[in-house]
Amino acid sequence: MSPPRSSEQPTGRTTGPAAGGAIRVVLVEDHDMVAEAIALALDRADGIRVLARSRSLAEAVADAHRLAPDVVVLDRGLPDADGIGGIGRLGSAAPGARVLILTGEATAALAARVVEAGGSGLVLKSARLDELEDAVRRVAAGEVVFSRSLLGGILDRLSGRAAGAGATLTPRERETLLLFAEGLSTAEIGERLSVARNTARNHVQHVLEKLGARSKLEALAIARREGLLD
């Protein structure tokens, strides 16, 4: 069963949970089975309380404003938005809330975007539920939660030592990026490059992975921000 929609009013807190108080969580996940498993695990954990489950970013912003949670566990892929892009809106709605991103993949570029947007951590959906519980506790305590394998890349990128997101793209991958910026489908990209559709699909997938994007649309947004389409 999904957690009930709470009728609590905002507490006005701008910091973490009060000493001895439960960590108050808003869960943002549109897939029912995933949401129910996470909500059940967190609600069973000592000292954690799931206040509400939101199914979209718009609903999450409203819930965060109404409930003033300590932590928002936010799925990256939502029906109405990219979760990372919504971190700022959640921070405005509930200034005391810390945001923990749930994602199916993790790269240094993606993790750096979470940090740049004001997020406090990133947890893979493939992680164990007890690992998610631990991440919620650490984030609520003021820590940032990223795997050790990502930290070096995050620090390099944020300090400017790392090359831009498109630095590792091969010439063919850059050509692929420009082609889907024109609105071409994968099949059409294959025709323009004179390669098989599966090869074109692989080029597209490599572009997405190297830019830390989950869709062509997101890849184009990153590419524009990085000046890769100029």
Protein backbone atom coordinates (compact mmCIF):
# COMPACT_ATOMS: atom_id res chain seq x y z
CA MET A 1 0.00 0.00 0.00
CA SER A 2 1.27 3.46 -0.82
CA PRO A 3 1.86 5.75 2.15
CA PRO A 4 -1.15 7.90 3.00
CA ARG A 5 -1.32 11.49 1.89
CA SER A 6 -0.48 13.31 5.08
CA SER A 7 -2.53 16.25 6.32
CA GLU A 8 0.33 17.68 8.36
CA GLN A 9 1.13 21.34 7.94
CA PRO A 10 4.63 22.75 7.33
CA THR A 11 6.74 22.98 10.44
CA GLY A 12 8.74 25.99 9.35
CA ARG A 13 12.05 24.18 9.99
CA THR A 14 14.99 25.18 7.83
CA THR A 15 17.45 22.55 9.16
CA GLY A 16 17.42 18.77 9.71
CA PRO A 17 15.17 16.77 12.03
CA ALA A 18 15.00 17.81 15.64
CA ALA A 19 17.01 15.76 18.11
CA GLY A 20 15.20 12.48 18.69
CA GLY A 21 12.66 13.19 15.95
CA ALA A 22 11.97 10.94 12.98
CA ILE A 23 13.48 11.80 9.60
CA ARG A 24 10.55 13.06 7.52
CA VAL A 25 10.59 11.85 3.91
CA VAL A 26 8.64 12.64 0.76
CA LEU A 27 9.08 9.89 -1.83
CA VAL A 28 8.80 10.89 -5.49
CA GLU A 29 8.41 7.83 -7.71
CA ASP A 30 5.82 7.19 -10.43
CA HIS A 31 6.24 3.40 -10.65
CA ASP A 32 3.87 1.80 -8.15
CA MET A 33 5.78 -1.39 -7.36
CA VAL A 34 9.07 0.45 -6.86
CA ALA A 35 7.42 3.14 -4.75
CA GLU A 36 5.60 0.65 -2.55
CA ALA A 37 8.78 -1.36 -1.89
CA ILE A 38 10.77 1.76 -0.99
CA ALA A 39 8.00 3.27 1.15
CA LEU A 40 7.52 0.02 3.04
CA ALA A 41 11.25 -0.38 3.70
CA LEU A 42 11.68 3.22 4.87
CA ASP A 43 8.55 3.18 7.04
CA ARG A 44 9.78 0.00 8.75
CA ALA A 45 13.16 1.61 9.47
CA ASP A 46 13.61 3.02 12.94
CA GLY A 47 13.43 6.80 12.99
CA ILE A 48 12.25 7.33 9.40
CA ARG A 49 8.73 8.33 8.42
CA VAL A 50 7.39 8.57 4.85
CA LEU A 51 4.96 11.50 4.84
CA ALA A 52 3.70 11.14 1.26
CA ARG A 53 4.40 9.60 -2.10
CA SER A 54 4.36 11.93 -5.11
CA ARG A 55 4.01 10.70 -8.69
CA SER A 56 5.29 13.77 -10.55
CA LEU A 57 7.54 16.78 -9.98
CA ALA A 58 4.56 19.13 -9.78
CA GLU A 59 3.00 16.97 -7.07
CA ALA A 60 6.34 16.71 -5.28
CA VAL A 61 6.77 20.49 -5.18
CA ALA A 62 3.29 20.87 -3.68
CA ASP A 63 3.93 18.11 -1.13
CA ALA A 64 7.32 19.53 -0.17
CA HIS A 65 5.83 22.97 0.38
CA ARG A 66 2.95 21.54 2.44
CA LEU A 67 4.88 19.03 4.53
CA ALA A 68 8.40 20.53 4.90
CA PRO A 69 10.21 17.17 4.79
CA ASP A 70 13.80 16.64 5.87
CA VAL A 71 14.60 14.52 2.81
CA VAL A 72 13.05 14.19 -0.64
CA VAL A 73 13.87 10.87 -2.32
CA LEU A 74 13.48 11.87 -5.95
CA ASP A 75 13.36 9.59 -8.99
CA ARG A 76 15.38 11.00 -11.84
CA GLY A 77 12.87 10.00 -14.52
CA LEU A 78 9.41 11.49 -13.91
CA PRO A 79 6.43 11.87 -16.25
CA ASP A 80 6.60 15.67 -16.24
CA ALA A 81 10.30 16.43 -15.76
CA ASP A 82 13.86 15.31 -15.29
CA GLY A 83 14.31 14.94 -11.53
CA ILE A 84 17.69 16.63 -11.45
CA GLY A 85 16.26 19.67 -13.18
CA GLY A 86 13.57 19.85 -10.47
CA ILE A 87 15.95 20.02 -7.49
CA GLY A 88 15.91 23.81 -7.49
CA ARG A 89 12.11 23.94 -7.48
CA LEU A 90 11.99 21.57 -4.52
CA GLY A 91 14.57 23.66 -2.67
CA SER A 92 12.44 26.76 -3.16
CA ALA A 93 9.31 24.93 -2.00
CA ALA A 94 10.97 23.48 1.11
CA PRO A 95 14.27 25.23 1.93
CA GLY A 96 15.10 22.76 4.71
CA ALA A 97 14.73 19.65 2.53
CA ARG A 98 17.72 17.75 1.20
CA VAL A 99 17.28 15.92 -2.10
CA LEU A 100 18.50 12.38 -2.78
CA ILE A 101 18.28 11.29 -6.43
CA LEU A 102 17.28 7.76 -7.44
CA THR A 103 18.63 6.72 -10.82
CA GLY A 104 19.20 3.66 -12.94
CA GLU A 105 22.71 4.76 -13.92
CA ALA A 106 25.52 6.78 -12.40
CA THR A 107 28.35 8.64 -14.09
CA ALA A 108 30.61 11.42 -12.80
CA ALA A 109 28.95 13.85 -15.22
CA LEU A 110 25.51 12.93 -13.94
CA ALA A 111 26.59 13.13 -10.30
CA ALA A 112 28.19 16.53 -10.92
CA ARG A 113 24.85 17.75 -12.31
CA VAL A 114 23.18 16.65 -9.07
CA VAL A 115 25.70 18.62 -7.02
CA GLU A 116 25.46 21.67 -9.28
CA ALA A 117 21.67 21.62 -8.95
CA GLY A 118 21.88 21.54 -5.15
CA GLY A 119 21.23 17.83 -4.58
CA SER A 120 22.77 15.94 -1.68
CA GLY A 121 23.39 12.54 -3.20
CA LEU A 122 22.66 9.86 -5.73
CA VAL A 123 21.61 6.25 -5.17
CA LEU A 124 21.25 3.58 -7.84
CA LYS A 125 17.89 1.86 -8.14
CA SER A 126 19.80 -1.40 -8.11
CA ALA A 127 21.08 -0.65 -4.59
CA ARG A 128 19.74 -2.67 -1.66
CA LEU A 129 16.94 -1.11 0.35
CA ASP A 130 19.17 -0.97 3.42
CA GLU A 131 21.67 1.06 1.39
CA LEU A 132 18.91 3.51 0.50
CA GLU A 133 17.90 3.71 4.16
CA ASP A 134 21.52 4.46 5.10
CA ALA A 135 21.72 7.14 2.39
CA VAL A 136 18.55 8.80 3.71
CA ARG A 137 20.01 8.91 7.23
CA ARG A 138 23.33 10.33 6.03
CA VAL A 139 21.71 12.97 3.85
CA ALA A 140 19.41 14.01 6.70
CA ALA A 141 22.51 14.37 8.90
CA GLY A 142 24.02 16.82 6.42
CA GLU A 143 26.32 14.51 4.47
CA VAL A 144 26.54 14.14 0.71
CA VAL A 145 26.14 10.60 -0.60
CA PHE A 146 27.96 9.49 -3.73
CA SER A 147 29.85 6.29 -4.41
CA ARG A 148 33.60 6.50 -3.93
CA SER A 149 34.12 5.69 -7.60
CA LEU A 150 32.28 8.89 -8.59
CA LEU A 151 33.81 11.34 -6.12
CA GLY A 152 37.05 11.96 -8.01
CA GLY A 153 35.20 12.72 -11.23
CA ILE A 154 32.75 15.01 -9.44
CA LEU A 155 35.53 17.01 -7.79
CA ASP A 156 37.51 17.26 -11.02
CA ARG A 157 34.48 18.46 -12.95
CA LEU A 158 33.39 21.00 -10.34
CA SER A 159 36.92 22.34 -9.91
CA GLY A 160 37.32 22.74 -13.65
CA ARG A 161 40.11 20.18 -13.96
CA ALA A 162 37.99 17.79 -15.98
CA ALA A 163 37.25 18.40 -19.62
CA GLY A 164 33.73 19.34 -20.63
CA ALA A 165 31.01 16.75 -21.08
CA GLY A 166 31.70 16.38 -24.78
CA ALA A 167 35.48 16.05 -24.57
CA THR A 168 35.46 12.26 -24.92
CA LEU A 169 33.08 12.13 -27.88
CA THR A 170 34.65 10.62 -30.97
CA PRO A 171 34.29 12.45 -34.31
CA ARG A 172 31.57 10.00 -35.34
CA GLU A 173 29.73 10.51 -32.02
CA ARG A 174 29.91 14.29 -32.47
CA GLU A 175 28.45 13.85 -35.95
CA THR A 176 25.70 11.68 -34.45
CA LEU A 177 24.94 14.37 -31.86
CA LEU A 178 24.60 17.01 -34.57
CA LEU A 179 22.31 14.75 -36.57
CA PHE A 180 19.85 14.11 -33.78
CA ALA A 181 20.00 17.85 -33.03
CA GLU A 182 18.44 18.15 -36.50
CA GLY A 183 15.59 15.96 -35.28
CA LEU A 184 16.59 12.81 -37.17
CA SER A 185 15.51 9.41 -35.92
CA THR A 186 18.03 6.64 -35.25
CA ALA A 187 17.14 5.02 -38.58
CA GLU A 188 17.63 8.33 -40.40
CA ILE A 189 20.96 8.87 -38.63
CA GLY A 190 22.05 5.44 -39.86
CA GLU A 191 21.13 6.41 -43.43
CA ARG A 192 23.00 9.73 -43.22
CA LEU A 193 26.09 8.03 -41.80
CA SER A 194 25.77 5.08 -44.20
CA VAL A 195 25.84 2.58 -41.34
CA ALA A 196 23.46 -0.13 -40.14
CA ARG A 197 20.65 0.88 -37.80
CA ASN A 198 22.21 -1.10 -34.91
CA THR A 199 25.48 0.76 -35.42
CA ALA A 200 23.67 4.10 -35.40
CA ARG A 201 21.83 3.02 -32.25
CA ASN A 202 25.17 2.25 -30.61
CA HIS A 203 26.51 5.69 -31.57
CA VAL A 204 23.45 7.33 -30.02
CA GLN A 205 23.79 5.28 -26.85
CA HIS A 206 27.46 6.20 -26.50
CA VAL A 207 26.59 9.89 -26.86
CA LEU A 208 23.96 9.62 -24.13
CA GLU A 209 26.35 7.77 -21.80
CA LYS A 210 29.21 10.23 -22.29
CA LEU A 211 26.95 13.25 -21.73
CA GLY A 212 25.31 11.66 -18.69
CA ALA A 213 21.89 11.89 -20.34
CA ARG A 214 18.95 9.50 -20.31
CA SER A 215 17.28 10.71 -23.50
CA LYS A 216 18.09 12.51 -26.72
CA LEU A 217 16.23 15.58 -25.44
CA GLU A 218 18.32 15.71 -22.27
CA ALA A 219 21.50 15.12 -24.28
CA LEU A 220 20.65 18.08 -26.49
CA ALA A 221 20.04 20.30 -23.45
CA ILE A 222 23.46 19.32 -22.05
CA ALA A 223 25.11 19.76 -25.44
CA ARG A 224 23.67 23.27 -25.79
CA ARG A 225 24.83 24.17 -22.27
CA GLU A 226 28.34 22.87 -23.06
CA GLY A 227 28.49 24.67 -26.40
CA LEU A 228 28.74 21.43 -28.36
CA LEU A 229 26.20 22.55 -30.97
CA ASP A 230 27.77 25.94 -31.67
